Amino acid sequence: MTTSGKTGGPLSGRVVALPETRELDRMVDLLAKEGATTLSCPMIGIRDVAEAAPVESWLRLLAAGELDVLVFMTGEGVTRLLGFAERCGILAQVVAAMAKARIVTRGPKPARA
């Protein structure tokens, strides 16, 4: 997708490549309003793991109260772990174990999740 921005904006005459997929339309609109021409080339995608068994095993350890400290790097990771827990039928146990564990996050998104 290529979008031309307004004429005369601070980014007029600039072409900005957007390799991201998250909130792509929003970024295109913001850059176009500043005069940029955007080139969307989504290269980053978030997918579940190919083999779910190790994730389920880790979640069962957590649900059993075997983990004292959890380190979450992304909100997306937390959301996906909770989705796995739900599909495994242990969401309530995982949430209860998370409430008892010390949680360390890298920024606000995993903290919110």
N, C-alpha and C. Protein backbone atom coordinates (compact mmCIF):
# COMPACT_ATOMS: atom_id res chain seq x y z
N MET A 1 0.85 -1.17 0.00
CA MET A 1 0.00 0.00 0.00
C MET A 1 0.90 1.23 0.00
N THR A 2 0.62 2.14 -0.85
CA THR A 2 1.33 3.40 -0.87
C THR A 2 0.30 4.51 -0.77
N THR A 3 0.54 5.42 0.17
CA THR A 3 -0.38 6.53 0.39
C THR A 3 0.40 7.82 0.29
N SER A 4 -0.12 8.77 -0.47
CA SER A 4 0.52 10.08 -0.56
C SER A 4 -0.09 11.00 0.48
N GLY A 5 0.76 11.76 1.14
CA GLY A 5 0.31 12.68 2.16
C GLY A 5 -0.06 14.03 1.58
N LYS A 6 -0.38 14.94 2.48
CA LYS A 6 -0.75 16.29 2.06
C LYS A 6 0.48 17.00 1.48
N THR A 7 0.24 17.88 0.56
CA THR A 7 1.31 18.65 -0.05
C THR A 7 1.77 19.72 0.92
N GLY A 8 3.09 19.85 1.07
CA GLY A 8 3.64 20.93 1.88
C GLY A 8 3.83 20.61 3.34
N GLY A 9 3.52 19.41 3.79
CA GLY A 9 3.75 19.07 5.18
C GLY A 9 5.23 18.89 5.46
N PRO A 10 5.62 18.81 6.73
CA PRO A 10 7.04 18.69 7.07
C PRO A 10 7.70 17.43 6.51
N LEU A 11 6.90 16.43 6.16
CA LEU A 11 7.47 15.20 5.58
C LEU A 11 7.21 15.10 4.08
N SER A 12 6.77 16.20 3.47
CA SER A 12 6.50 16.21 2.04
C SER A 12 7.75 15.82 1.27
N GLY A 13 7.58 14.94 0.30
CA GLY A 13 8.70 14.47 -0.51
C GLY A 13 9.44 13.29 0.11
N ARG A 14 9.05 12.89 1.30
CA ARG A 14 9.69 11.75 1.97
C ARG A 14 8.84 10.50 1.79
N VAL A 15 9.52 9.37 1.61
CA VAL A 15 8.85 8.08 1.56
C VAL A 15 9.25 7.33 2.83
N VAL A 16 8.26 6.89 3.56
CA VAL A 16 8.51 6.19 4.82
C VAL A 16 8.02 4.75 4.68
N ALA A 17 8.93 3.80 4.87
CA ALA A 17 8.58 2.38 4.84
C ALA A 17 8.11 1.96 6.23
N LEU A 18 7.01 1.25 6.28
CA LEU A 18 6.45 0.79 7.55
C LEU A 18 6.47 -0.75 7.58
N PRO A 19 7.45 -1.34 8.28
CA PRO A 19 7.56 -2.79 8.31
C PRO A 19 6.68 -3.45 9.37
N GLU A 20 5.94 -2.70 10.10
CA GLU A 20 5.14 -3.18 11.23
C GLU A 20 3.74 -3.56 10.77
N THR A 21 3.08 -4.44 11.51
CA THR A 21 1.69 -4.79 11.22
C THR A 21 0.74 -4.19 12.25
N ARG A 22 1.21 -3.98 13.47
CA ARG A 22 0.33 -3.45 14.52
C ARG A 22 0.03 -1.98 14.25
N GLU A 23 -1.22 -1.64 14.31
CA GLU A 23 -1.69 -0.26 14.15
C GLU A 23 -1.16 0.39 12.86
N LEU A 24 -1.06 -0.42 11.83
CA LEU A 24 -0.50 0.07 10.56
C LEU A 24 -1.33 1.21 9.98
N ASP A 25 -2.65 1.06 9.97
CA ASP A 25 -3.50 2.11 9.40
C ASP A 25 -3.32 3.43 10.14
N ARG A 26 -3.17 3.35 11.45
CA ARG A 26 -2.98 4.56 12.25
C ARG A 26 -1.67 5.26 11.88
N MET A 27 -0.60 4.47 11.75
CA MET A 27 0.70 5.06 11.38
C MET A 27 0.65 5.68 9.98
N VAL A 28 0.00 5.00 9.04
CA VAL A 28 -0.14 5.53 7.68
C VAL A 28 -0.84 6.88 7.73
N ASP A 29 -1.94 6.95 8.48
CA ASP A 29 -2.70 8.21 8.57
C ASP A 29 -1.86 9.33 9.20
N LEU A 30 -1.16 9.01 10.29
CA LEU A 30 -0.35 10.03 10.96
C LEU A 30 0.74 10.58 10.05
N LEU A 31 1.43 9.69 9.35
CA LEU A 31 2.51 10.13 8.47
C LEU A 31 1.97 10.88 7.24
N ALA A 32 0.85 10.42 6.71
CA ALA A 32 0.25 11.09 5.55
C ALA A 32 -0.19 12.51 5.90
N LYS A 33 -0.69 12.70 7.10
CA LYS A 33 -1.10 14.05 7.54
C LYS A 33 0.08 15.00 7.60
N GLU A 34 1.28 14.46 7.75
CA GLU A 34 2.49 15.28 7.79
C GLU A 34 3.14 15.39 6.41
N GLY A 35 2.50 14.81 5.40
CA GLY A 35 2.98 14.97 4.03
C GLY A 35 3.77 13.80 3.48
N ALA A 36 4.01 12.76 4.26
CA ALA A 36 4.82 11.63 3.80
C ALA A 36 4.04 10.74 2.85
N THR A 37 4.79 10.10 1.97
CA THR A 37 4.26 9.00 1.19
C THR A 37 4.69 7.75 1.94
N THR A 38 3.74 6.85 2.20
CA THR A 38 4.06 5.66 2.99
C THR A 38 4.07 4.42 2.11
N LEU A 39 4.95 3.53 2.46
CA LEU A 39 5.06 2.24 1.79
C LEU A 39 4.94 1.17 2.86
N SER A 40 3.82 0.46 2.85
CA SER A 40 3.60 -0.58 3.85
C SER A 40 4.22 -1.88 3.38
N CYS A 41 5.08 -2.44 4.21
CA CYS A 41 5.70 -3.72 3.90
C CYS A 41 5.80 -4.52 5.20
N PRO A 42 4.65 -5.04 5.68
CA PRO A 42 4.64 -5.75 6.96
C PRO A 42 5.62 -6.93 6.95
N MET A 43 6.59 -6.87 7.86
CA MET A 43 7.61 -7.91 7.95
C MET A 43 7.58 -8.60 9.30
N ILE A 44 6.85 -8.04 10.23
CA ILE A 44 6.83 -8.57 11.57
C ILE A 44 5.44 -9.11 11.83
N GLY A 45 5.37 -10.35 12.26
CA GLY A 45 4.09 -10.94 12.60
C GLY A 45 4.21 -11.72 13.90
N ILE A 46 3.14 -11.75 14.64
CA ILE A 46 3.14 -12.46 15.91
C ILE A 46 2.33 -13.72 15.73
N ARG A 47 2.94 -14.85 16.03
CA ARG A 47 2.29 -16.14 15.86
C ARG A 47 2.52 -17.00 17.09
N ASP A 48 1.60 -17.91 17.31
CA ASP A 48 1.79 -18.88 18.39
C ASP A 48 2.94 -19.82 18.03
N VAL A 49 3.50 -20.45 19.04
CA VAL A 49 4.60 -21.38 18.82
C VAL A 49 4.12 -22.58 18.02
N ALA A 50 5.04 -23.22 17.31
CA ALA A 50 4.69 -24.40 16.51
C ALA A 50 4.38 -25.59 17.41
N GLU A 51 5.07 -25.71 18.52
CA GLU A 51 4.89 -26.84 19.45
C GLU A 51 4.39 -26.29 20.78
N ALA A 52 3.15 -26.58 21.12
CA ALA A 52 2.52 -26.03 22.32
C ALA A 52 2.91 -26.76 23.61
N ALA A 53 3.44 -27.97 23.51
CA ALA A 53 3.71 -28.78 24.71
C ALA A 53 4.63 -28.08 25.72
N PRO A 54 5.74 -27.44 25.31
CA PRO A 54 6.58 -26.76 26.31
C PRO A 54 5.87 -25.59 27.01
N VAL A 55 5.01 -24.90 26.28
CA VAL A 55 4.26 -23.79 26.87
C VAL A 55 3.28 -24.34 27.90
N GLU A 56 2.58 -25.39 27.53
CA GLU A 56 1.62 -26.00 28.45
C GLU A 56 2.33 -26.54 29.68
N SER A 57 3.48 -27.14 29.50
CA SER A 57 4.26 -27.67 30.64
C SER A 57 4.64 -26.54 31.59
N TRP A 58 5.12 -25.42 31.05
CA TRP A 58 5.50 -24.26 31.86
C TRP A 58 4.29 -23.72 32.61
N LEU A 59 3.14 -23.62 31.92
CA LEU A 59 1.93 -23.12 32.56
C LEU A 59 1.47 -24.03 33.68
N ARG A 60 1.63 -25.33 33.52
CA ARG A 60 1.23 -26.28 34.58
C ARG A 60 2.15 -26.13 35.80
N LEU A 61 3.43 -25.86 35.57
CA LEU A 61 4.33 -25.58 36.69
C LEU A 61 3.88 -24.32 37.44
N LEU A 62 3.54 -23.30 36.68
CA LEU A 62 3.06 -22.06 37.27
C LEU A 62 1.78 -22.32 38.06
N ALA A 63 0.81 -23.02 37.46
CA ALA A 63 -0.47 -23.29 38.11
C ALA A 63 -0.30 -24.10 39.39
N ALA A 64 0.73 -24.93 39.43
CA ALA A 64 1.00 -25.76 40.61
C ALA A 64 1.74 -24.98 41.70
N GLY A 65 2.05 -23.72 41.44
CA GLY A 65 2.74 -22.90 42.43
C GLY A 65 4.24 -23.13 42.50
N GLU A 66 4.81 -23.66 41.44
CA GLU A 66 6.23 -23.99 41.41
C GLU A 66 7.13 -22.81 41.03
N LEU A 67 6.55 -21.71 40.59
CA LEU A 67 7.34 -20.56 40.14
C LEU A 67 7.10 -19.38 41.08
N ASP A 68 8.18 -18.81 41.57
CA ASP A 68 8.07 -17.70 42.53
C ASP A 68 8.17 -16.32 41.88
N VAL A 69 8.94 -16.23 40.81
CA VAL A 69 9.17 -14.94 40.14
C VAL A 69 8.88 -15.13 38.65
N LEU A 70 8.11 -14.20 38.10
CA LEU A 70 7.79 -14.23 36.67
C LEU A 70 8.32 -12.95 36.04
N VAL A 71 8.97 -13.08 34.90
CA VAL A 71 9.48 -11.92 34.17
C VAL A 71 8.75 -11.87 32.83
N PHE A 72 8.00 -10.81 32.62
CA PHE A 72 7.25 -10.64 31.38
C PHE A 72 7.84 -9.47 30.60
N MET A 73 8.15 -9.72 29.34
CA MET A 73 8.78 -8.71 28.50
C MET A 73 7.76 -7.94 27.65
N THR A 74 6.65 -8.59 27.30
CA THR A 74 5.66 -7.92 26.44
C THR A 74 4.24 -8.22 26.91
N GLY A 75 3.35 -7.29 26.66
CA GLY A 75 1.94 -7.51 26.94
C GLY A 75 1.38 -8.60 26.05
N GLU A 76 1.83 -8.65 24.82
CA GLU A 76 1.38 -9.68 23.89
C GLU A 76 1.73 -11.07 24.42
N GLY A 77 2.92 -11.21 25.01
CA GLY A 77 3.32 -12.49 25.57
C GLY A 77 2.42 -12.92 26.71
N VAL A 78 2.08 -11.99 27.58
CA VAL A 78 1.19 -12.29 28.71
C VAL A 78 -0.18 -12.72 28.18
N THR A 79 -0.70 -11.97 27.22
CA THR A 79 -2.01 -12.28 26.64
C THR A 79 -2.02 -13.67 26.01
N ARG A 80 -0.95 -14.00 25.29
CA ARG A 80 -0.87 -15.31 24.65
C ARG A 80 -0.75 -16.43 25.67
N LEU A 81 0.02 -16.20 26.73
CA LEU A 81 0.12 -17.22 27.79
C LEU A 81 -1.24 -17.49 28.42
N LEU A 82 -1.98 -16.43 28.68
CA LEU A 82 -3.31 -16.60 29.26
C LEU A 82 -4.24 -17.33 28.29
N GLY A 83 -4.10 -17.07 27.00
CA GLY A 83 -4.89 -17.80 26.00
C GLY A 83 -4.56 -19.29 26.00
N PHE A 84 -3.27 -19.62 26.11
CA PHE A 84 -2.86 -21.02 26.21
C PHE A 84 -3.46 -21.65 27.45
N ALA A 85 -3.39 -20.94 28.58
CA ALA A 85 -3.93 -21.45 29.83
C ALA A 85 -5.42 -21.73 29.71
N GLU A 86 -6.12 -20.84 29.04
CA GLU A 86 -7.57 -21.04 28.86
C GLU A 86 -7.83 -22.28 28.01
N ARG A 87 -7.08 -22.44 26.93
CA ARG A 87 -7.27 -23.61 26.07
C ARG A 87 -6.91 -24.91 26.78
N CYS A 88 -6.01 -24.83 27.77
CA CYS A 88 -5.62 -26.01 28.55
C CYS A 88 -6.58 -26.27 29.71
N GLY A 89 -7.50 -25.34 29.94
CA GLY A 89 -8.46 -25.50 31.02
C GLY A 89 -7.91 -25.18 32.40
N ILE A 90 -6.82 -24.40 32.45
CA ILE A 90 -6.19 -24.07 33.74
C ILE A 90 -6.05 -22.57 33.95
N LEU A 91 -6.89 -21.79 33.30
CA LEU A 91 -6.77 -20.34 33.39
C LEU A 91 -6.93 -19.85 34.83
N ALA A 92 -7.92 -20.32 35.53
CA ALA A 92 -8.15 -19.85 36.91
C ALA A 92 -6.94 -20.15 37.79
N GLN A 93 -6.35 -21.33 37.64
CA GLN A 93 -5.18 -21.70 38.45
C GLN A 93 -3.96 -20.85 38.09
N VAL A 94 -3.79 -20.56 36.81
CA VAL A 94 -2.67 -19.73 36.37
C VAL A 94 -2.82 -18.31 36.90
N VAL A 95 -4.02 -17.75 36.81
CA VAL A 95 -4.25 -16.39 37.31
C VAL A 95 -4.02 -16.35 38.82
N ALA A 96 -4.47 -17.36 39.54
CA ALA A 96 -4.26 -17.41 40.99
C ALA A 96 -2.77 -17.50 41.33
N ALA A 97 -2.04 -18.30 40.57
CA ALA A 97 -0.59 -18.44 40.81
C ALA A 97 0.14 -17.15 40.47
N MET A 98 -0.30 -16.46 39.43
CA MET A 98 0.32 -15.18 39.08
C MET A 98 0.10 -14.15 40.19
N ALA A 99 -1.06 -14.20 40.81
CA ALA A 99 -1.36 -13.27 41.90
C ALA A 99 -0.44 -13.48 43.10
N LYS A 100 0.05 -14.69 43.27
CA LYS A 100 0.92 -15.01 44.42
C LYS A 100 2.40 -14.81 44.10
N ALA A 101 2.77 -14.83 42.81
CA ALA A 101 4.18 -14.73 42.41
C ALA A 101 4.61 -13.27 42.37
N ARG A 102 5.91 -13.07 42.46
CA ARG A 102 6.48 -11.75 42.23
C ARG A 102 6.59 -11.57 40.72
N ILE A 103 6.06 -10.48 40.21
CA ILE A 103 6.06 -10.25 38.77
C ILE A 103 6.95 -9.06 38.44
N VAL A 104 7.85 -9.27 37.51
CA VAL A 104 8.75 -8.22 37.02
C VAL A 104 8.38 -7.99 35.56
N THR A 105 8.21 -6.73 35.18
CA THR A 105 7.86 -6.42 33.79
C THR A 105 8.85 -5.42 33.21
N ARG A 106 8.95 -5.45 31.90
CA ARG A 106 9.77 -4.49 31.17
C ARG A 106 8.83 -3.48 30.54
N GLY A 107 8.36 -2.57 31.32
CA GLY A 107 7.50 -1.52 30.80
C GLY A 107 6.04 -1.68 31.15
N PRO A 108 5.23 -0.74 30.70
CA PRO A 108 3.83 -0.69 31.12
C PRO A 108 2.91 -1.71 30.43
N LYS A 109 3.20 -2.11 29.22
CA LYS A 109 2.29 -3.01 28.52
C LYS A 109 2.17 -4.37 29.19
N PRO A 110 3.27 -5.04 29.52
CA PRO A 110 3.09 -6.31 30.23
C PRO A 110 2.50 -6.11 31.62
N ALA A 111 2.77 -4.99 32.24
CA ALA A 111 2.19 -4.72 33.57
C ALA A 111 0.67 -4.60 33.46
N ARG A 112 0.19 -3.92 32.42
CA ARG A 112 -1.26 -3.79 32.23
C ARG A 112 -1.89 -5.13 31.91
N ALA A 113 -1.22 -5.92 31.10
CA ALA A 113 -1.77 -7.23 30.72
C ALA A 113 -1.87 -8.13 31.93
